[in-house]
Amino acid sequence: MILNSRVTKNPSIIKNVDVYSTKLFIYDKKTKTFITEVSDLPCKGKPFYQIFNDACDYGFWMESERTGDLMLFLYEGADKSSDEIVGWRLKSEEGFNALVIND
């Protein structure tokens, strides 16, 4: 789901969820993946939250530094090594991926 900047000037829809700028991520064009480390995000603990109060979806919104548009990324799973989470994978409806590395 993409919301353009005109719609999101007063984004009550996203009040409970962090919005991360694309400038916090490196973009891999080949895999259409935004990559960052959790320590580079302004969050405490997990980098995603319940999106809507009445839904079970978890994720975050990403704001384009260039256009101001928002794109919703939903949690898909975690990568683990032994008992430790090494990263979280999220995906947008538009086919973009996000990988947040647990450093």
PDB file of N, CA and C in Angstrom:
ATOM      1  N   MET A   1       0.839  -1.160   0.000  1.00  0.00           N
ATOM      2  CA  MET A   1       0.000   0.000   0.000  1.00  0.00           C
ATOM      3  C   MET A   1       0.894   1.236   0.000  1.00  0.00           C
ATOM      4  N   ILE A   2       0.679   2.110  -0.945  1.00  0.00           N
ATOM      5  CA  ILE A   2       1.417   3.367  -1.007  1.00  0.00           C
ATOM      6  C   ILE A   2       0.445   4.506  -0.761  1.00  0.00           C
ATOM      7  N   LEU A   3       0.828   5.395   0.127  1.00  0.00           N
ATOM      8  CA  LEU A   3       0.079   6.614   0.357  1.00  0.00           C
ATOM      9  C   LEU A   3       0.949   7.767  -0.103  1.00  0.00           C
ATOM     10  N   ASN A   4       0.391   8.654  -0.930  1.00  0.00           N
ATOM     11  CA  ASN A   4       1.227   9.762  -1.379  1.00  0.00           C
ATOM     12  C   ASN A   4       1.264  10.858  -0.325  1.00  0.00           C
ATOM     13  N   SER A   5       2.175  11.785  -0.478  1.00  0.00           N
ATOM     14  CA  SER A   5       2.422  12.797   0.540  1.00  0.00           C
ATOM     15  C   SER A   5       1.216  13.700   0.766  1.00  0.00           C
ATOM     16  N   ARG A   6       0.348  13.867  -0.230  1.00  0.00           N
ATOM     17  CA  ARG A   6      -0.851  14.689  -0.042  1.00  0.00           C
ATOM     18  C   ARG A   6      -1.789  14.032   0.969  1.00  0.00           C
ATOM     19  N   VAL A   7      -1.868  12.726   0.949  1.00  0.00           N
ATOM     20  CA  VAL A   7      -2.758  11.987   1.841  1.00  0.00           C
ATOM     21  C   VAL A   7      -2.202  11.954   3.256  1.00  0.00           C
ATOM     22  N   THR A   8      -0.896  11.992   3.389  1.00  0.00           N
ATOM     23  CA  THR A   8      -0.273  11.733   4.681  1.00  0.00           C
ATOM     24  C   THR A   8       0.207  12.983   5.408  1.00  0.00           C
ATOM     25  N   LYS A   9      -0.270  14.141   5.051  1.00  0.00           N
ATOM     26  CA  LYS A   9       0.132  15.343   5.789  1.00  0.00           C
ATOM     27  C   LYS A   9      -0.327  15.261   7.241  1.00  0.00           C
ATOM     28  N   ASN A  10      -1.474  14.646   7.496  1.00  0.00           N
ATOM     29  CA  ASN A  10      -1.977  14.420   8.841  1.00  0.00           C
ATOM     30  C   ASN A  10      -2.336  12.941   8.964  1.00  0.00           C
ATOM     31  N   PRO A  11      -1.327  12.085   9.029  1.00  0.00           N
ATOM     32  CA  PRO A  11      -1.563  10.641   8.863  1.00  0.00           C
ATOM     33  C   PRO A  11      -2.053   9.935  10.127  1.00  0.00           C
ATOM     34  N   SER A  12      -3.317  10.105  10.463  1.00  0.00           N
ATOM     35  CA  SER A  12      -3.841   9.430  11.648  1.00  0.00           C
ATOM     36  C   SER A  12      -3.774   7.919  11.504  1.00  0.00           C
ATOM     37  N   ILE A  13      -3.737   7.434  10.267  1.00  0.00           N
ATOM     38  CA  ILE A  13      -3.679   5.992  10.020  1.00  0.00           C
ATOM     39  C   ILE A  13      -2.378   5.373  10.531  1.00  0.00           C
ATOM     40  N   ILE A  14      -1.335   6.185  10.664  1.00  0.00           N
ATOM     41  CA  ILE A  14      -0.035   5.633  11.045  1.00  0.00           C
ATOM     42  C   ILE A  14       0.413   6.086  12.426  1.00  0.00           C
ATOM     43  N   LYS A  15      -0.487   6.602  13.240  1.00  0.00           N
ATOM     44  CA  LYS A  15      -0.086   7.193  14.509  1.00  0.00           C
ATOM     45  C   LYS A  15       0.557   6.215  15.483  1.00  0.00           C
ATOM     46  N   ASN A  16       0.256   4.936  15.387  1.00  0.00           N
ATOM     47  CA  ASN A  16       0.784   3.957  16.337  1.00  0.00           C
ATOM     48  C   ASN A  16       2.023   3.223  15.834  1.00  0.00           C
ATOM     49  N   VAL A  17       2.530   3.609  14.692  1.00  0.00           N
ATOM     50  CA  VAL A  17       3.607   2.859  14.061  1.00  0.00           C
ATOM     51  C   VAL A  17       4.746   3.799  13.672  1.00  0.00           C
ATOM     52  N   ASP A  18       5.960   3.315  13.786  1.00  0.00           N
ATOM     53  CA  ASP A  18       7.104   4.109  13.358  1.00  0.00           C
ATOM     54  C   ASP A  18       7.102   4.277  11.849  1.00  0.00           C
ATOM     55  N   VAL A  19       7.560   5.429  11.410  1.00  0.00           N
ATOM     56  CA  VAL A  19       7.763   5.713   9.990  1.00  0.00           C
ATOM     57  C   VAL A  19       9.259   5.941   9.827  1.00  0.00           C
ATOM     58  N   TYR A  20       9.877   5.142   8.960  1.00  0.00           N
ATOM     59  CA  TYR A  20      11.315   5.242   8.734  1.00  0.00           C
ATOM     60  C   TYR A  20      11.581   5.846   7.363  1.00  0.00           C
ATOM     61  N   SER A  21      12.527   6.754   7.309  1.00  0.00           N
ATOM     62  CA  SER A  21      12.927   7.371   6.045  1.00  0.00           C
ATOM     63  C   SER A  21      13.785   6.403   5.233  1.00  0.00           C
ATOM     64  N   THR A  22      13.663   6.478   3.928  1.00  0.00           N
ATOM     65  CA  THR A  22      14.504   5.650   3.064  1.00  0.00           C
ATOM     66  C   THR A  22      15.979   5.981   3.240  1.00  0.00           C
ATOM     67  N   LYS A  23      16.293   7.169   3.760  1.00  0.00           N
ATOM     68  CA  LYS A  23      17.707   7.528   3.940  1.00  0.00           C
ATOM     69  C   LYS A  23      18.379   6.699   5.033  1.00  0.00           C
ATOM     70  N   LEU A  24      17.588   5.970   5.830  1.00  0.00           N
ATOM     71  CA  LEU A  24      18.146   5.089   6.860  1.00  0.00           C
ATOM     72  C   LEU A  24      18.510   3.712   6.318  1.00  0.00           C
ATOM     73  N   PHE A  25      18.209   3.480   5.040  1.00  0.00           N
ATOM     74  CA  PHE A  25      18.401   2.175   4.420  1.00  0.00           C
ATOM     75  C   PHE A  25      19.339   2.275   3.226  1.00  0.00           C
ATOM     76  N   ILE A  26      20.008   1.172   2.917  1.00  0.00           N
ATOM     77  CA  ILE A  26      20.728   1.001   1.657  1.00  0.00           C
ATOM     78  C   ILE A  26      19.781   0.239   0.748  1.00  0.00           C
ATOM     79  N   TYR A  27      19.690   0.625  -0.517  1.00  0.00           N
ATOM     80  CA  TYR A  27      18.771  -0.047  -1.435  1.00  0.00           C
ATOM     81  C   TYR A  27      19.548  -0.918  -2.407  1.00  0.00           C
ATOM     82  N   ASP A  28      19.203  -2.196  -2.454  1.00  0.00           N
ATOM     83  CA  ASP A  28      19.778  -3.141  -3.413  1.00  0.00           C
ATOM     84  C   ASP A  28      18.795  -3.264  -4.571  1.00  0.00           C
ATOM     85  N   LYS A  29      19.117  -2.619  -5.682  1.00  0.00           N
ATOM     86  CA  LYS A  29      18.219  -2.567  -6.834  1.00  0.00           C
ATOM     87  C   LYS A  29      17.950  -3.953  -7.420  1.00  0.00           C
ATOM     88  N   LYS A  30      18.973  -4.802  -7.415  1.00  0.00           N
ATOM     89  CA  LYS A  30      18.845  -6.139  -8.013  1.00  0.00           C
ATOM     90  C   LYS A  30      17.783  -6.978  -7.301  1.00  0.00           C
ATOM     91  N   THR A  31      17.736  -6.905  -5.976  1.00  0.00           N
ATOM     92  CA  THR A  31      16.787  -7.714  -5.209  1.00  0.00           C
ATOM     93  C   THR A  31      15.583  -6.902  -4.712  1.00  0.00           C
ATOM     94  N   LYS A  32      15.559  -5.601  -5.048  1.00  0.00           N
ATOM     95  CA  LYS A  32      14.491  -4.697  -4.612  1.00  0.00           C
ATOM     96  C   LYS A  32      14.343  -4.722  -3.090  1.00  0.00           C
ATOM     97  N   THR A  33      15.513  -4.655  -2.404  1.00  0.00           N
ATOM     98  CA  THR A  33      15.532  -4.776  -0.948  1.00  0.00           C
ATOM     99  C   THR A  33      16.158  -3.544  -0.301  1.00  0.00           C
ATOM    100  N   PHE A  34      15.451  -3.019   0.698  1.00  0.00           N
ATOM    101  CA  PHE A  34      15.977  -1.961   1.553  1.00  0.00           C
ATOM    102  C   PHE A  34      16.617  -2.647   2.754  1.00  0.00           C
ATOM    103  N   ILE A  35      17.878  -2.301   3.050  1.00  0.00           N
ATOM    104  CA  ILE A  35      18.639  -2.987   4.097  1.00  0.00           C
ATOM    105  C   ILE A  35      19.155  -1.973   5.111  1.00  0.00           C
ATOM    106  N   THR A  36      19.016  -2.314   6.388  1.00  0.00           N
ATOM    107  CA  THR A  36      19.558  -1.478   7.450  1.00  0.00           C
ATOM    108  C   THR A  36      19.859  -2.340   8.666  1.00  0.00           C
ATOM    109  N   GLU A  37      20.526  -1.746   9.642  1.00  0.00           N
ATOM    110  CA  GLU A  37      20.751  -2.400  10.924  1.00  0.00           C
ATOM    111  C   GLU A  37      19.786  -1.792  11.934  1.00  0.00           C
ATOM    112  N   VAL A  38      19.298  -2.593  12.852  1.00  0.00           N
ATOM    113  CA  VAL A  38      18.304  -2.123  13.806  1.00  0.00           C
ATOM    114  C   VAL A  38      18.835  -0.942  14.620  1.00  0.00           C
ATOM    115  N   SER A  39      20.140  -0.899  14.881  1.00  0.00           N
ATOM    116  CA  SER A  39      20.719   0.205  15.659  1.00  0.00           C
ATOM    117  C   SER A  39      20.670   1.532  14.905  1.00  0.00           C
ATOM    118  N   ASP A  40      20.450   1.498  13.587  1.00  0.00           N
ATOM    119  CA  ASP A  40      20.348   2.728  12.800  1.00  0.00           C
ATOM    120  C   ASP A  40      18.924   3.272  12.758  1.00  0.00           C
ATOM    121  N   LEU A  41      17.971   2.536  13.324  1.00  0.00           N
ATOM    122  CA  LEU A  41      16.580   2.959  13.316  1.00  0.00           C
ATOM    123  C   LEU A  41      16.202   3.572  14.671  1.00  0.00           C
ATOM    124  N   PRO A  42      15.320   4.567  14.662  1.00  0.00           N
ATOM    125  CA  PRO A  42      14.890   5.192  15.923  1.00  0.00           C
ATOM    126  C   PRO A  42      13.801   4.370  16.614  1.00  0.00           C
ATOM    127  N   CYS A  43      14.146   3.147  17.015  1.00  0.00           N
ATOM    128  CA  CYS A  43      13.166   2.276  17.664  1.00  0.00           C
ATOM    129  C   CYS A  43      13.830   1.637  18.877  1.00  0.00           C
ATOM    130  N   LYS A  44      12.998   1.081  19.722  1.00  0.00           N
ATOM    131  CA  LYS A  44      13.491   0.356  20.890  1.00  0.00           C
ATOM    132  C   LYS A  44      13.071  -1.096  20.731  1.00  0.00           C
ATOM    133  N   GLY A  45      14.025  -1.991  20.605  1.00  0.00           N
ATOM    134  CA  GLY A  45      13.686  -3.405  20.431  1.00  0.00           C
ATOM    135  C   GLY A  45      13.362  -3.729  18.993  1.00  0.00           C
ATOM    136  N   LYS A  46      12.251  -4.437  18.802  1.00  0.00           N
ATOM    137  CA  LYS A  46      11.861  -4.841  17.449  1.00  0.00           C
ATOM    138  C   LYS A  46      11.548  -3.609  16.596  1.00  0.00           C
ATOM    139  N   PRO A  47      11.899  -3.647  15.313  1.00  0.00           N
ATOM    140  CA  PRO A  47      11.683  -2.482  14.448  1.00  0.00           C
ATOM    141  C   PRO A  47      10.302  -2.405  13.821  1.00  0.00           C
ATOM    142  N   PHE A  48       9.346  -3.196  14.312  1.00  0.00           N
ATOM    143  CA  PHE A  48       8.008  -3.186  13.719  1.00  0.00           C
ATOM    144  C   PHE A  48       6.968  -3.337  14.820  1.00  0.00           C
ATOM    145  N   TYR A  49       5.765  -2.907  14.506  1.00  0.00           N
ATOM    146  CA  TYR A  49       4.690  -2.872  15.488  1.00  0.00           C
ATOM    147  C   TYR A  49       3.380  -3.266  14.823  1.00  0.00           C
ATOM    148  N   GLN A  50       2.341  -3.455  15.630  1.00  0.00           N
ATOM    149  CA  GLN A  50       1.009  -3.732  15.094  1.00  0.00           C
ATOM    150  C   GLN A  50       0.577  -2.519  14.278  1.00  0.00           C
ATOM    151  N   ILE A  51       0.213  -2.752  13.021  1.00  0.00           N
ATOM    152  CA  ILE A  51      -0.094  -1.662  12.097  1.00  0.00           C
ATOM    153  C   ILE A  51      -1.421  -0.986  12.418  1.00  0.00           C
ATOM    154  N   PHE A  52      -2.458  -1.770  12.562  1.00  0.00           N
ATOM    155  CA  PHE A  52      -3.787  -1.231  12.824  1.00  0.00           C
ATOM    156  C   PHE A  52      -4.301  -1.841  14.123  1.00  0.00           C
ATOM    157  N   ASN A  53      -5.036  -1.075  14.901  1.00  0.00           N
ATOM    158  CA  ASN A  53      -5.523  -1.553  16.193  1.00  0.00           C
ATOM    159  C   ASN A  53      -6.403  -2.787  16.079  1.00  0.00           C
ATOM    160  N   ASP A  54      -7.102  -2.931  14.968  1.00  0.00           N
ATOM    161  CA  ASP A  54      -8.049  -4.034  14.817  1.00  0.00           C
ATOM    162  C   ASP A  54      -7.545  -5.147  13.906  1.00  0.00           C
ATOM    163  N   ALA A  55      -6.238  -5.227  13.703  1.00  0.00           N
ATOM    164  CA  ALA A  55      -5.678  -6.246  12.807  1.00  0.00           C
ATOM    165  C   ALA A  55      -4.483  -6.926  13.461  1.00  0.00           C
ATOM    166  N   CYS A  56      -4.100  -8.066  12.922  1.00  0.00           N
ATOM    167  CA  CYS A  56      -2.957  -8.798  13.480  1.00  0.00           C
ATOM    168  C   CYS A  56      -1.673  -8.549  12.682  1.00  0.00           C
ATOM    169  N   ASP A  57      -1.711  -7.647  11.705  1.00  0.00           N
ATOM    170  CA  ASP A  57      -0.528  -7.368  10.889  1.00  0.00           C
ATOM    171  C   ASP A  57       0.489  -6.523  11.655  1.00  0.00           C
ATOM    172  N   TYR A  58       1.764  -6.890  11.473  1.00  0.00           N
ATOM    173  CA  TYR A  58       2.867  -6.140  12.071  1.00  0.00           C
ATOM    174  C   TYR A  58       3.762  -5.620  10.955  1.00  0.00           C
ATOM    175  N   GLY A  59       4.363  -4.470  11.166  1.00  0.00           N
ATOM    176  CA  GLY A  59       5.250  -3.918  10.163  1.00  0.00           C
ATOM    177  C   GLY A  59       5.619  -2.487  10.463  1.00  0.00           C
ATOM    178  N   PHE A  60       6.015  -1.760   9.421  1.00  0.00           N
ATOM    179  CA  PHE A  60       6.305  -0.341   9.548  1.00  0.00           C
ATOM    180  C   PHE A  60       6.071   0.348   8.211  1.00  0.00           C
ATOM    181  N   TRP A  61       5.977   1.656   8.258  1.00  0.00           N
ATOM    182  CA  TRP A  61       5.863   2.473   7.054  1.00  0.00           C
ATOM    183  C   TRP A  61       7.235   3.018   6.721  1.00  0.00           C
ATOM    184  N   MET A  62       7.542   3.098   5.436  1.00  0.00           N
ATOM    185  CA  MET A  62       8.782   3.707   4.983  1.00  0.00           C
ATOM    186  C   MET A  62       8.413   4.923   4.135  1.00  0.00           C
ATOM    187  N   GLU A  63       9.057   6.051   4.442  1.00  0.00           N
ATOM    188  CA  GLU A  63       8.791   7.287   3.726  1.00  0.00           C
ATOM    189  C   GLU A  63       9.915   7.572   2.738  1.00  0.00           C
ATOM    190  N   SER A  64       9.545   7.798   1.490  1.00  0.00           N
ATOM    191  CA  SER A  64      10.528   8.115   0.466  1.00  0.00           C
ATOM    192  C   SER A  64      11.122   9.486   0.745  1.00  0.00           C
ATOM    193  N   GLU A  65      12.433   9.534   0.855  1.00  0.00           N
ATOM    194  CA  GLU A  65      13.118  10.813   1.060  1.00  0.00           C
ATOM    195  C   GLU A  65      12.899  11.734  -0.143  1.00  0.00           C
ATOM    196  N   ARG A  66      12.753  11.152  -1.312  1.00  0.00           N
ATOM    197  CA  ARG A  66      12.612  11.926  -2.555  1.00  0.00           C
ATOM    198  C   ARG A  66      11.195  12.468  -2.754  1.00  0.00           C
ATOM    199  N   THR A  67      10.166  11.627  -2.525  1.00  0.00           N
ATOM    200  CA  THR A  67       8.792  12.035  -2.856  1.00  0.00           C
ATOM    201  C   THR A  67       7.906  12.318  -1.643  1.00  0.00           C
ATOM    202  N   GLY A  68       8.271  11.789  -0.484  1.00  0.00           N
ATOM    203  CA  GLY A  68       7.430  11.921   0.696  1.00  0.00           C
ATOM    204  C   GLY A  68       6.327  10.875   0.766  1.00  0.00           C
ATOM    205  N   ASP A  69       6.222  10.018  -0.248  1.00  0.00           N
ATOM    206  CA  ASP A  69       5.214   8.954  -0.243  1.00  0.00           C
ATOM    207  C   ASP A  69       5.570   7.896   0.806  1.00  0.00           C
ATOM    208  N   LEU A  70       4.540   7.242   1.332  1.00  0.00           N
ATOM    209  CA  LEU A  70       4.730   6.188   2.316  1.00  0.00           C
ATOM    210  C   LEU A  70       4.405   4.831   1.707  1.00  0.00           C
ATOM    211  N   MET A  71       5.202   3.829   2.072  1.00  0.00           N
ATOM    212  CA  MET A  71       4.944   2.465   1.627  1.00  0.00           C
ATOM    213  C   MET A  71       4.902   1.581   2.869  1.00  0.00           C
ATOM    214  N   LEU A  72       3.904   0.714   2.924  1.00  0.00           N
ATOM    215  CA  LEU A  72       3.730  -0.182   4.055  1.00  0.00           C
ATOM    216  C   LEU A  72       4.509  -1.476   3.846  1.00  0.00           C
ATOM    217  N   PHE A  73       5.311  -1.851   4.846  1.00  0.00           N
ATOM    218  CA  PHE A  73       6.052  -3.107   4.839  1.00  0.00           C
ATOM    219  C   PHE A  73       5.510  -3.979   5.969  1.00  0.00           C
ATOM    220  N   LEU A  74       5.138  -5.210   5.645  1.00  0.00           N
ATOM    221  CA  LEU A  74       4.583  -6.129   6.627  1.00  0.00           C
ATOM    222  C   LEU A  74       5.587  -7.226   6.968  1.00  0.00           C
ATOM    223  N   TYR A  75       5.599  -7.594   8.228  1.00  0.00           N
ATOM    224  CA  TYR A  75       6.501  -8.614   8.749  1.00  0.00           C
ATOM    225  C   TYR A  75       6.230  -9.958   8.082  1.00  0.00           C
ATOM    226  N   GLU A  76       7.309 -10.591   7.597  1.00  0.00           N
ATOM    227  CA  GLU A  76       7.208 -11.922   6.989  1.00  0.00           C
ATOM    228  C   GLU A  76       7.875 -13.005   7.815  1.00  0.00           C
ATOM    229  N   GLY A  77       8.931 -12.657   8.525  1.00  0.00           N
ATOM    230  CA  GLY A  77       9.621 -13.670   9.313  1.00  0.00           C
ATOM    231  C   GLY A  77      10.959 -13.177   9.820  1.00  0.00           C
ATOM    232  N   ALA A  78      11.564 -14.019  10.647  1.00  0.00           N
ATOM    233  CA  ALA A  78      12.860 -13.706  11.235  1.00  0.00           C
ATOM    234  C   ALA A  78      13.870 -14.763  10.813  1.00  0.00           C
ATOM    235  N   ASP A  79      15.094 -14.328  10.617  1.00  0.00           N
ATOM    236  CA  ASP A  79      16.200 -15.244  10.351  1.00  0.00           C
ATOM    237  C   ASP A  79      16.912 -15.477  11.676  1.00  0.00           C
ATOM    238  N   LYS A  80      17.183 -16.748  11.987  1.00  0.00           N
ATOM    239  CA  LYS A  80      17.778 -17.084  13.274  1.00  0.00           C
ATOM    240  C   LYS A  80      19.071 -17.849  13.103  1.00  0.00           C
ATOM    241  N   SER A  81      19.939 -17.685  14.079  1.00  0.00           N
ATOM    242  CA  SER A  81      21.156 -18.466  14.209  1.00  0.00           C
ATOM    243  C   SER A  81      21.141 -19.003  15.635  1.00  0.00           C
ATOM    244  N   SER A  82      20.989 -20.291  15.773  1.00  0.00           N
ATOM    245  CA  SER A  82      20.748 -20.912  17.089  1.00  0.00           C
ATOM    246  C   SER A  82      19.465 -20.321  17.654  1.00  0.00           C
ATOM    247  N   ASP A  83      19.544 -19.684  18.811  1.00  0.00           N
ATOM    248  CA  ASP A  83      18.365 -19.084  19.432  1.00  0.00           C
ATOM    249  C   ASP A  83      18.302 -17.578  19.236  1.00  0.00           C
ATOM    250  N   GLU A  84      19.250 -17.034  18.511  1.00  0.00           N
ATOM    251  CA  GLU A  84      19.327 -15.583  18.349  1.00  0.00           C
ATOM    252  C   GLU A  84      18.726 -15.151  17.008  1.00  0.00           C
ATOM    253  N   ILE A  85      17.937 -14.072  17.039  1.00  0.00           N
ATOM    254  CA  ILE A  85      17.410 -13.486  15.806  1.00  0.00           C
ATOM    255  C   ILE A  85      18.507 -12.632  15.184  1.00  0.00           C
ATOM    256  N   VAL A  86      18.851 -12.925  13.933  1.00  0.00           N
ATOM    257  CA  VAL A  86      19.899 -12.161  13.254  1.00  0.00           C
ATOM    258  C   VAL A  86      19.317 -11.130  12.293  1.00  0.00           C
ATOM    259  N   GLY A  87      18.028 -11.248  11.981  1.00  0.00           N
ATOM    260  CA  GLY A  87      17.408 -10.268  11.101  1.00  0.00           C
ATOM    261  C   GLY A  87      15.922 -10.515  10.945  1.00  0.00           C
ATOM    262  N   TRP A  88      15.221  -9.449  10.530  1.00  0.00           N
ATOM    263  CA  TRP A  88      13.789  -9.527  10.274  1.00  0.00           C
ATOM    264  C   TRP A  88      13.528  -9.212   8.815  1.00  0.00           C
ATOM    265  N   ARG A  89      12.632  -9.959   8.178  1.00  0.00           N
ATOM    266  CA  ARG A  89      12.266  -9.747   6.781  1.00  0.00           C
ATOM    267  C   ARG A  89      10.851  -9.200   6.698  1.00  0.00           C
ATOM    268  N   LEU A  90      10.691  -8.153   5.882  1.00  0.00           N
ATOM    269  CA  LEU A  90       9.377  -7.555   5.661  1.00  0.00           C
ATOM    270  C   LEU A  90       9.178  -7.383   4.170  1.00  0.00           C
ATOM    271  N   LYS A  91       7.929  -7.242   3.750  1.00  0.00           N
ATOM    272  CA  LYS A  91       7.628  -7.126   2.328  1.00  0.00           C
ATOM    273  C   LYS A  91       6.471  -6.166   2.127  1.00  0.00           C
ATOM    274  N   SER A  92       6.522  -5.415   1.015  1.00  0.00           N
ATOM    275  CA  SER A  92       5.427  -4.519   0.660  1.00  0.00           C
ATOM    276  C   SER A  92       4.530  -5.200  -0.376  1.00  0.00           C
ATOM    277  N   GLU A  93       3.312  -4.705  -0.510  1.00  0.00           N
ATOM    278  CA  GLU A  93       2.399  -5.231  -1.527  1.00  0.00           C
ATOM    279  C   GLU A  93       2.927  -4.977  -2.926  1.00  0.00           C
ATOM    280  N   GLU A  94       3.797  -3.983  -3.056  1.00  0.00           N
ATOM    281  CA  GLU A  94       4.345  -3.605  -4.357  1.00  0.00           C
ATOM    282  C   GLU A  94       5.552  -4.448  -4.759  1.00  0.00           C
ATOM    283  N   GLY A  95       5.935  -5.416  -3.920  1.00  0.00           N
ATOM    284  CA  GLY A  95       7.023  -6.323  -4.266  1.00  0.00           C
ATOM    285  C   GLY A  95       8.400  -5.885  -3.799  1.00  0.00           C
ATOM    286  N   PHE A  96       8.466  -4.872  -2.952  1.00  0.00           N
ATOM    287  CA  PHE A  96       9.749  -4.459  -2.375  1.00  0.00           C
ATOM    288  C   PHE A  96       9.961  -5.221  -1.076  1.00  0.00           C
ATOM    289  N   ASN A  97      11.227  -5.422  -0.716  1.00  0.00           N
ATOM    290  CA  ASN A  97      11.591  -6.128   0.492  1.00  0.00           C
ATOM    291  C   ASN A  97      12.323  -5.190   1.437  1.00  0.00           C
ATOM    292  N   ALA A  98      12.292  -5.541   2.715  1.00  0.00           N
ATOM    293  CA  ALA A  98      13.107  -4.835   3.698  1.00  0.00           C
ATOM    294  C   ALA A  98      13.766  -5.891   4.577  1.00  0.00           C
ATOM    295  N   LEU A  99      15.020  -5.678   4.869  1.00  0.00           N
ATOM    296  CA  LEU A  99      15.771  -6.548   5.760  1.00  0.00           C
ATOM    297  C   LEU A  99      16.372  -5.670   6.849  1.00  0.00           C
ATOM    298  N   VAL A 100      16.008  -5.969   8.099  1.00  0.00           N
ATOM    299  CA  VAL A 100      16.558  -5.246   9.242  1.00  0.00           C
ATOM    300  C   VAL A 100      17.461  -6.226   9.984  1.00  0.00           C
ATOM    301  N   ILE A 101      18.750  -5.914   9.993  1.00  0.00           N
ATOM    302  CA  ILE A 101      19.746  -6.781  10.607  1.00  0.00           C
ATOM    303  C   ILE A 101      19.830  -6.470  12.097  1.00  0.00           C
ATOM    304  N   ASN A 102      19.767  -7.513  12.918  1.00  0.00           N
ATOM    305  CA  ASN A 102      19.848  -7.363  14.361  1.00  0.00           C
ATOM    306  C   ASN A 102      21.323  -7.338  14.752  1.00  0.00           C
ATOM    307  N   ASP A 103      21.859  -6.142  14.838  1.00  0.00           N
ATOM    308  CA  ASP A 103      23.283  -6.009  15.202  1.00  0.00           C
ATOM    309  C   ASP A 103      23.389  -5.824  16.680  1.00  0.00           C
TER     310      ASP A 103
END
